Structures are given as C-alpha cells and as structure tokens.
C-alpha cells in the first residue's frame, strides 16, 4: 500500500504535469491564432493582387484594341 506522503508526492507530480500540458495547450492556441491571422492577411493580399492583374489585363486589352482601330 501507498503511504500518505507517497500519495502526496504523486499528486504534486501530476499537478506539475497538468500545468505543463496547460502551458503547451496555451502556446499551441496562440500559434494557431497567429497562423489564422497570417492566412487572412495573405488571402487579402492575394485578392488585391488578382484585382491588380485583372486591371492591367483590361488596360492592355483596351490599349491593343485602340491601337488596332487606329490602323484600320
């Protein structure tokens, strides 16, 4: 059988392990939140760049049509 002091020692060890796991969980949550924010920022940047590319393509298309019309 376990002595009372041995049980207290085991309880303390379990509490320390529990706290350590809580710290790991908190760190992982913070990392996840940072990744979510970065992903949202990058998605917004991709949307902006796609819009810019579309604008450039349309500008080039209009310019080429104007150039062709001037030769006709």
PDB file of N, CA and C in Angstrom:
ATOM      1  N   UNK A   1       0.831  -1.192   0.000  1.00  0.00           N
ATOM      2  CA  UNK A   1       0.000   0.000   0.000  1.00  0.00           C
ATOM      3  C   UNK A   1       0.872   1.251   0.000  1.00  0.00           C
ATOM      4  N   UNK A   2       0.287   2.291  -0.509  1.00  0.00           N
ATOM      5  CA  UNK A   2       0.993   3.559  -0.569  1.00  0.00           C
ATOM      6  C   UNK A   2       0.870   4.302   0.750  1.00  0.00           C
ATOM      7  N   UNK A   3       1.940   4.970   1.085  1.00  0.00           N
ATOM      8  CA  UNK A   3       1.876   5.828   2.259  1.00  0.00           C
ATOM      9  C   UNK A   3       1.273   7.167   1.845  1.00  0.00           C
ATOM     10  N   UNK A   4       0.813   7.887   2.815  1.00  0.00           N
ATOM     11  CA  UNK A   4       0.205   9.187   2.548  1.00  0.00           C
ATOM     12  C   UNK A   4       1.197  10.135   1.890  1.00  0.00           C
ATOM     13  N   UNK A   5       2.428  10.150   2.334  1.00  0.00           N
ATOM     14  CA  UNK A   5       3.441  11.037   1.755  1.00  0.00           C
ATOM     15  C   UNK A   5       3.732  10.667   0.299  1.00  0.00           C
ATOM     16  N   UNK A   6       3.709   9.386   0.001  1.00  0.00           N
ATOM     17  CA  UNK A   6       3.928   8.936  -1.372  1.00  0.00           C
ATOM     18  C   UNK A   6       2.773   9.405  -2.261  1.00  0.00           C
ATOM     19  N   UNK A   7       1.557   9.314  -1.744  1.00  0.00           N
ATOM     20  CA  UNK A   7       0.394   9.787  -2.498  1.00  0.00           C
ATOM     21  C   UNK A   7       0.468  11.296  -2.748  1.00  0.00           C
ATOM     22  N   UNK A   8       0.888  12.043  -1.741  1.00  0.00           N
ATOM     23  CA  UNK A   8       1.036  13.485  -1.905  1.00  0.00           C
ATOM     24  C   UNK A   8       2.091  13.815  -2.960  1.00  0.00           C
ATOM     25  N   UNK A   9       3.158  13.073  -2.948  1.00  0.00           N
ATOM     26  CA  UNK A   9       4.227  13.270  -3.929  1.00  0.00           C
ATOM     27  C   UNK A   9       3.712  13.008  -5.348  1.00  0.00           C
ATOM     28  N   UNK A  10       2.957  11.934  -5.511  1.00  0.00           N
ATOM     29  CA  UNK A  10       2.391  11.615  -6.817  1.00  0.00           C
ATOM     30  C   UNK A  10       1.383  12.678  -7.265  1.00  0.00           C
ATOM     31  N   UNK A  11       0.614  13.157  -6.310  1.00  0.00           N
ATOM     32  CA  UNK A  11      -0.358  14.212  -6.614  1.00  0.00           C
ATOM     33  C   UNK A  11       0.365  15.457  -7.112  1.00  0.00           C
ATOM     34  N   UNK A  12       1.430  15.836  -6.446  1.00  0.00           N
ATOM     35  CA  UNK A  12       2.210  17.008  -6.844  1.00  0.00           C
ATOM     36  C   UNK A  12       2.802  16.818  -8.243  1.00  0.00           C
ATOM     37  N   UNK A  13       3.308  15.633  -8.515  1.00  0.00           N
ATOM     38  CA  UNK A  13       3.863  15.352  -9.845  1.00  0.00           C
ATOM     39  C   UNK A  13       2.790  15.458 -10.924  1.00  0.00           C
ATOM     40  N   UNK A  14       1.616  14.926 -10.629  1.00  0.00           N
ATOM     41  CA  UNK A  14       0.515  15.003 -11.593  1.00  0.00           C
ATOM     42  C   UNK A  14       0.068  16.449 -11.817  1.00  0.00           C
ATOM     43  N   UNK A  15       0.040  17.228 -10.754  1.00  0.00           N
ATOM     44  CA  UNK A  15      -0.331  18.640 -10.883  1.00  0.00           C
ATOM     45  C   UNK A  15       0.689  19.383 -11.738  1.00  0.00           C
ATOM     46  N   UNK A  16       1.967  19.082 -11.559  1.00  0.00           N
ATOM     47  CA  UNK A  16       3.010  19.720 -12.367  1.00  0.00           C
ATOM     48  C   UNK A  16       2.878  19.326 -13.836  1.00  0.00           C
ATOM     49  N   UNK A  17       2.618  18.073 -14.085  1.00  0.00           N
ATOM     50  CA  UNK A  17       2.419  17.619 -15.463  1.00  0.00           C
ATOM     51  C   UNK A  17       1.197  18.276 -16.077  1.00  0.00           C
ATOM     52  N   UNK A  18       0.147  18.400 -15.279  1.00  0.00           N
ATOM     53  CA  UNK A  18      -1.075  19.048 -15.750  1.00  0.00           C
ATOM     54  C   UNK A  18      -0.795  20.505 -16.128  1.00  0.00           C
ATOM     55  N   UNK A  19      -0.083  21.232 -15.282  1.00  0.00           N
ATOM     56  CA  UNK A  19       0.251  22.624 -15.576  1.00  0.00           C
ATOM     57  C   UNK A  19       1.103  22.726 -16.834  1.00  0.00           C
ATOM     58  N   UNK A  20       2.034  21.809 -16.970  1.00  0.00           N
ATOM     59  CA  UNK A  20       2.887  21.806 -18.157  1.00  0.00           C
ATOM     60  C   UNK A  20       2.047  21.596 -19.418  1.00  0.00           C
ATOM     61  N   UNK A  21       1.107  20.674 -19.370  1.00  0.00           N
ATOM     62  CA  UNK A  21       0.241  20.426 -20.519  1.00  0.00           C
ATOM     63  C   UNK A  21      -0.647  21.630 -20.825  1.00  0.00           C
ATOM     64  N   UNK A  22      -1.100  22.315 -19.780  1.00  0.00           N
ATOM     65  CA  UNK A  22      -1.903  23.522 -19.990  1.00  0.00           C
ATOM     66  C   UNK A  22      -1.077  24.608 -20.684  1.00  0.00           C
ATOM     67  N   UNK A  23       0.196  24.728 -20.308  1.00  0.00           N
ATOM     68  CA  UNK A  23       1.081  25.703 -20.947  1.00  0.00           C
ATOM     69  C   UNK A  23       1.287  25.356 -22.419  1.00  0.00           C
ATOM     70  N   UNK A  24       1.472  24.077 -22.704  1.00  0.00           N
ATOM     71  CA  UNK A  24       1.630  23.643 -24.092  1.00  0.00           C
ATOM     72  C   UNK A  24       0.374  23.957 -24.893  1.00  0.00           C
ATOM     73  N   UNK A  25      -0.778  23.666 -24.319  1.00  0.00           N
ATOM     74  CA  UNK A  25      -2.050  23.927 -24.986  1.00  0.00           C
ATOM     75  C   UNK A  25      -2.215  25.418 -25.272  1.00  0.00           C
ATOM     76  N   UNK A  26      -1.881  26.257 -24.314  1.00  0.00           N
ATOM     77  CA  UNK A  26      -1.992  27.700 -24.490  1.00  0.00           C
ATOM     78  C   UNK A  26      -1.053  28.179 -25.600  1.00  0.00           C
ATOM     79  N   UNK A  27       0.158  27.674 -25.617  1.00  0.00           N
ATOM     80  CA  UNK A  27       1.119  28.030 -26.663  1.00  0.00           C
ATOM     81  C   UNK A  27       0.607  27.620 -28.038  1.00  0.00           C
ATOM     82  N   UNK A  28       0.047  26.434 -28.123  1.00  0.00           N
ATOM     83  CA  UNK A  28      -0.493  25.956 -29.404  1.00  0.00           C
ATOM     84  C   UNK A  28      -1.677  26.809 -29.855  1.00  0.00           C
ATOM     85  N   UNK A  29      -2.518  27.221 -28.933  1.00  0.00           N
ATOM     86  CA  UNK A  29      -3.657  28.088 -29.287  1.00  0.00           C
ATOM     87  C   UNK A  29      -3.163  29.425 -29.813  1.00  0.00           C
ATOM     88  N   UNK A  30      -2.141  29.990 -29.151  1.00  0.00           N
ATOM     89  CA  UNK A  30      -1.591  31.264 -29.607  1.00  0.00           C
ATOM     90  C   UNK A  30      -0.985  31.120 -31.003  1.00  0.00           C
ATOM     91  N   UNK A  31      -0.276  30.039 -31.233  1.00  0.00           N
ATOM     92  CA  UNK A  31       0.320  29.796 -32.554  1.00  0.00           C
ATOM     93  C   UNK A  31      -0.762  29.664 -33.613  1.00  0.00           C
ATOM     94  N   UNK A  32      -1.811  28.937 -33.284  1.00  0.00           N
ATOM     95  CA  UNK A  32      -2.912  28.761 -34.237  1.00  0.00           C
ATOM     96  C   UNK A  32      -3.526  30.121 -34.580  1.00  0.00           C
ATOM     97  N   UNK A  33      -3.748  30.959 -33.575  1.00  0.00           N
ATOM     98  CA  UNK A  33      -4.344  32.273 -33.798  1.00  0.00           C
ATOM     99  C   UNK A  33      -3.451  33.112 -34.711  1.00  0.00           C
ATOM    100  N   UNK A  34      -2.134  33.055 -34.474  1.00  0.00           N
ATOM    101  CA  UNK A  34      -1.209  33.806 -35.325  1.00  0.00           C
ATOM    102  C   UNK A  34      -1.251  33.295 -36.761  1.00  0.00           C
ATOM    103  N   UNK A  35      -1.318  31.983 -36.944  1.00  0.00           N
ATOM    104  CA  UNK A  35      -1.405  31.417 -38.288  1.00  0.00           C
ATOM    105  C   UNK A  35      -2.711  31.810 -38.969  1.00  0.00           C
ATOM    106  N   UNK A  36      -3.791  31.848 -38.222  1.00  0.00           N
ATOM    107  CA  UNK A  36      -5.081  32.262 -38.791  1.00  0.00           C
ATOM    108  C   UNK A  36      -5.000  33.712 -39.259  1.00  0.00           C
ATOM    109  N   UNK A  37      -4.412  34.563 -38.435  1.00  0.00           N
ATOM    110  CA  UNK A  37      -4.274  35.969 -38.813  1.00  0.00           C
ATOM    111  C   UNK A  37      -3.395  36.117 -40.054  1.00  0.00           C
ATOM    112  N   UNK A  38      -2.272  35.407 -40.089  1.00  0.00           N
ATOM    113  CA  UNK A  38      -1.385  35.477 -41.245  1.00  0.00           C
ATOM    114  C   UNK A  38      -2.090  34.984 -42.501  1.00  0.00           C
ATOM    115  N   UNK A  39      -2.860  33.916 -42.363  1.00  0.00           N
ATOM    116  CA  UNK A  39      -3.587  33.369 -43.510  1.00  0.00           C
ATOM    117  C   UNK A  39      -4.595  34.372 -44.038  1.00  0.00           C
ATOM    118  N   UNK A  40      -5.305  35.037 -43.134  1.00  0.00           N
ATOM    119  CA  UNK A  40      -6.283  36.047 -43.554  1.00  0.00           C
ATOM    120  C   UNK A  40      -5.595  37.221 -44.251  1.00  0.00           C
ATOM    121  N   UNK A  41      -4.451  37.651 -43.721  1.00  0.00           N
ATOM    122  CA  UNK A  41      -3.707  38.749 -44.332  1.00  0.00           C
ATOM    123  C   UNK A  41      -3.214  38.355 -45.726  1.00  0.00           C
ATOM    124  N   UNK A  42      -2.697  37.149 -45.841  1.00  0.00           N
ATOM    125  CA  UNK A  42      -2.201  36.689 -47.139  1.00  0.00           C
ATOM    126  C   UNK A  42      -3.339  36.513 -48.139  1.00  0.00           C
ATOM    127  N   UNK A  43      -4.486  36.040 -47.689  1.00  0.00           N
ATOM    128  CA  UNK A  43      -5.640  35.891 -48.576  1.00  0.00           C
ATOM    129  C   UNK A  43      -6.090  37.263 -49.092  1.00  0.00           C
ATOM    130  N   UNK A  44      -6.073  38.265 -48.228  1.00  0.00           N
ATOM    131  CA  UNK A  44      -6.438  39.622 -48.647  1.00  0.00           C
ATOM    132  C   UNK A  44      -5.427  40.151 -49.667  1.00  0.00           C
ATOM    133  N   UNK A  45      -4.163  39.866 -49.447  1.00  0.00           N
ATOM    134  CA  UNK A  45      -3.119  40.301 -50.388  1.00  0.00           C
ATOM    135  C   UNK A  45      -3.292  39.608 -51.742  1.00  0.00           C
ATOM    136  N   UNK A  46      -3.630  38.335 -51.738  1.00  0.00           N
ATOM    137  CA  UNK A  46      -3.863  37.596 -52.984  1.00  0.00           C
ATOM    138  C   UNK A  46      -5.048  38.213 -53.737  1.00  0.00           C
ATOM    139  N   UNK A  47      -6.128  38.527 -53.017  1.00  0.00           N
ATOM    140  CA  UNK A  47      -7.287  39.155 -53.665  1.00  0.00           C
ATOM    141  C   UNK A  47      -6.895  40.497 -54.295  1.00  0.00           C
ATOM    142  N   UNK A  48      -6.109  41.284 -53.576  1.00  0.00           N
ATOM    143  CA  UNK A  48      -5.656  42.581 -54.079  1.00  0.00           C
ATOM    144  C   UNK A  48      -4.807  42.399 -55.339  1.00  0.00           C
ATOM    145  N   UNK A  49      -3.882  41.453 -55.315  1.00  0.00           N
ATOM    146  CA  UNK A  49      -3.019  41.218 -56.470  1.00  0.00           C
ATOM    147  C   UNK A  49      -3.809  40.711 -57.670  1.00  0.00           C
ATOM    148  N   UNK A  50      -4.779  39.841 -57.434  1.00  0.00           N
ATOM    149  CA  UNK A  50      -5.626  39.361 -58.532  1.00  0.00           C
ATOM    150  C   UNK A  50      -6.386  40.516 -59.167  1.00  0.00           C
ATOM    151  N   UNK A  51      -6.870  41.426 -58.330  1.00  0.00           N
ATOM    152  CA  UNK A  51      -7.591  42.594 -58.833  1.00  0.00           C
ATOM    153  C   UNK A  51      -6.660  43.472 -59.672  1.00  0.00           C
ATOM    154  N   UNK A  52      -5.435  43.652 -59.207  1.00  0.00           N
ATOM    155  CA  UNK A  52      -4.469  44.452 -59.951  1.00  0.00           C
ATOM    156  C   UNK A  52      -4.142  43.801 -61.304  1.00  0.00           C
ATOM    157  N   UNK A  53      -3.976  42.481 -61.304  1.00  0.00           N
ATOM    158  CA  UNK A  53      -3.684  41.766 -62.550  1.00  0.00           C
ATOM    159  C   UNK A  53      -4.843  41.933 -63.526  1.00  0.00           C
ATOM    160  N   UNK A  54      -6.065  41.806 -63.040  1.00  0.00           N
ATOM    161  CA  UNK A  54      -7.242  41.970 -63.890  1.00  0.00           C
ATOM    162  C   UNK A  54      -7.288  43.382 -64.480  1.00  0.00           C
ATOM    163  N   UNK A  55      -6.999  44.358 -63.651  1.00  0.00           N
ATOM    164  CA  UNK A  55      -6.989  45.748 -64.113  1.00  0.00           C
ATOM    165  C   UNK A  55      -5.936  45.954 -65.211  1.00  0.00           C
ATOM    166  N   UNK A  56      -4.747  45.401 -65.015  1.00  0.00           N
ATOM    167  CA  UNK A  56      -3.683  45.533 -66.013  1.00  0.00           C
ATOM    168  C   UNK A  56      -4.086  44.831 -67.309  1.00  0.00           C
ATOM    169  N   UNK A  57      -4.659  43.642 -67.183  1.00  0.00           N
ATOM    170  CA  UNK A  57      -5.096  42.919 -68.384  1.00  0.00           C
ATOM    171  C   UNK A  57      -6.149  43.718 -69.163  1.00  0.00           C
ATOM    172  N   UNK A  58      -7.100  44.277 -68.426  1.00  0.00           N
ATOM    173  CA  UNK A  58      -8.139  45.070 -69.093  1.00  0.00           C
ATOM    174  C   UNK A  58      -7.543  46.312 -69.748  1.00  0.00           C
ATOM    175  N   UNK A  59      -6.612  46.938 -69.069  1.00  0.00           N
ATOM    176  CA  UNK A  59      -5.962  48.130 -69.635  1.00  0.00           C
ATOM    177  C   UNK A  59      -5.202  47.767 -70.897  1.00  0.00           C
ATOM    178  N   UNK A  60      -4.491  46.660 -70.882  1.00  0.00           N
ATOM    179  CA  UNK A  60      -3.740  46.209 -72.063  1.00  0.00           C
ATOM    180  C   UNK A  60      -4.690  45.850 -73.192  1.00  0.00           C
ATOM    181  N   UNK A  61      -5.799  45.235 -72.856  1.00  0.00           N
ATOM    182  CA  UNK A  61      -6.783  44.840 -73.864  1.00  0.00           C
ATOM    183  C   UNK A  61      -7.382  46.076 -74.531  1.00  0.00           C
ATOM    184  N   UNK A  62      -7.733  47.074 -73.753  1.00  0.00           N
ATOM    185  CA  UNK A  62      -8.307  48.310 -74.296  1.00  0.00           C
ATOM    186  C   UNK A  62      -7.266  49.017 -75.147  1.00  0.00           C
ATOM    187  N   UNK A  63      -6.023  49.066 -74.682  1.00  0.00           N
ATOM    188  CA  UNK A  63      -4.963  49.735 -75.429  1.00  0.00           C
ATOM    189  C   UNK A  63      -4.705  49.032 -76.755  1.00  0.00           C
ATOM    190  N   UNK A  64      -4.699  47.711 -76.759  1.00  0.00           N
ATOM    191  CA  UNK A  64      -4.448  46.979 -78.009  1.00  0.00           C
ATOM    192  C   UNK A  64      -5.601  47.153 -78.989  1.00  0.00           C
ATOM    193  N   UNK A  65      -6.827  47.209 -78.495  1.00  0.00           N
ATOM    194  CA  UNK A  65      -7.979  47.438 -79.375  1.00  0.00           C
ATOM    195  C   UNK A  65      -7.923  48.844 -79.970  1.00  0.00           C
ATOM    196  N   UNK A  66      -7.499  49.810 -79.178  1.00  0.00           N
ATOM    197  CA  UNK A  66      -7.376  51.185 -79.674  1.00  0.00           C
ATOM    198  C   UNK A  66      -6.285  51.255 -80.726  1.00  0.00           C
ATOM    199  N   UNK A  67      -5.187  50.564 -80.510  1.00  0.00           N
ATOM    200  CA  UNK A  67      -4.089  50.554 -81.450  1.00  0.00           C
ATOM    201  C   UNK A  67      -4.514  49.924 -82.772  1.00  0.00           C
ATOM    202  N   UNK A  68      -5.230  48.800 -82.688  1.00  0.00           N
ATOM    203  CA  UNK A  68      -5.708  48.120 -83.883  1.00  0.00           C
ATOM    204  C   UNK A  68      -6.698  48.998 -84.639  1.00  0.00           C
ATOM    205  N   UNK A  69      -7.576  49.657 -83.908  1.00  0.00           N
ATOM    206  CA  UNK A  69      -8.594  50.524 -84.546  1.00  0.00           C
ATOM    207  C   UNK A  69      -7.939  51.687 -85.252  1.00  0.00           C
ATOM    208  N   UNK A  70      -6.814  52.165 -84.752  1.00  0.00           N
ATOM    209  CA  UNK A  70      -6.151  53.313 -85.396  1.00  0.00           C
ATOM    210  C   UNK A  70      -5.493  52.924 -86.708  1.00  0.00           C
ATOM    211  N   UNK A  71      -5.183  51.636 -86.893  1.00  0.00           N
ATOM    212  CA  UNK A  71      -4.578  51.179 -88.142  1.00  0.00           C
ATOM    213  C   UNK A  71      -5.633  50.844 -89.198  1.00  0.00           C
ATOM    214  N   UNK A  72      -6.848  50.652 -88.781  1.00  0.00           N
ATOM    215  CA  UNK A  72      -7.895  50.234 -89.725  1.00  0.00           C
ATOM    216  C   UNK A  72      -8.484  51.401 -90.447  1.00  0.00           C
TER     217      UNK A  72
END
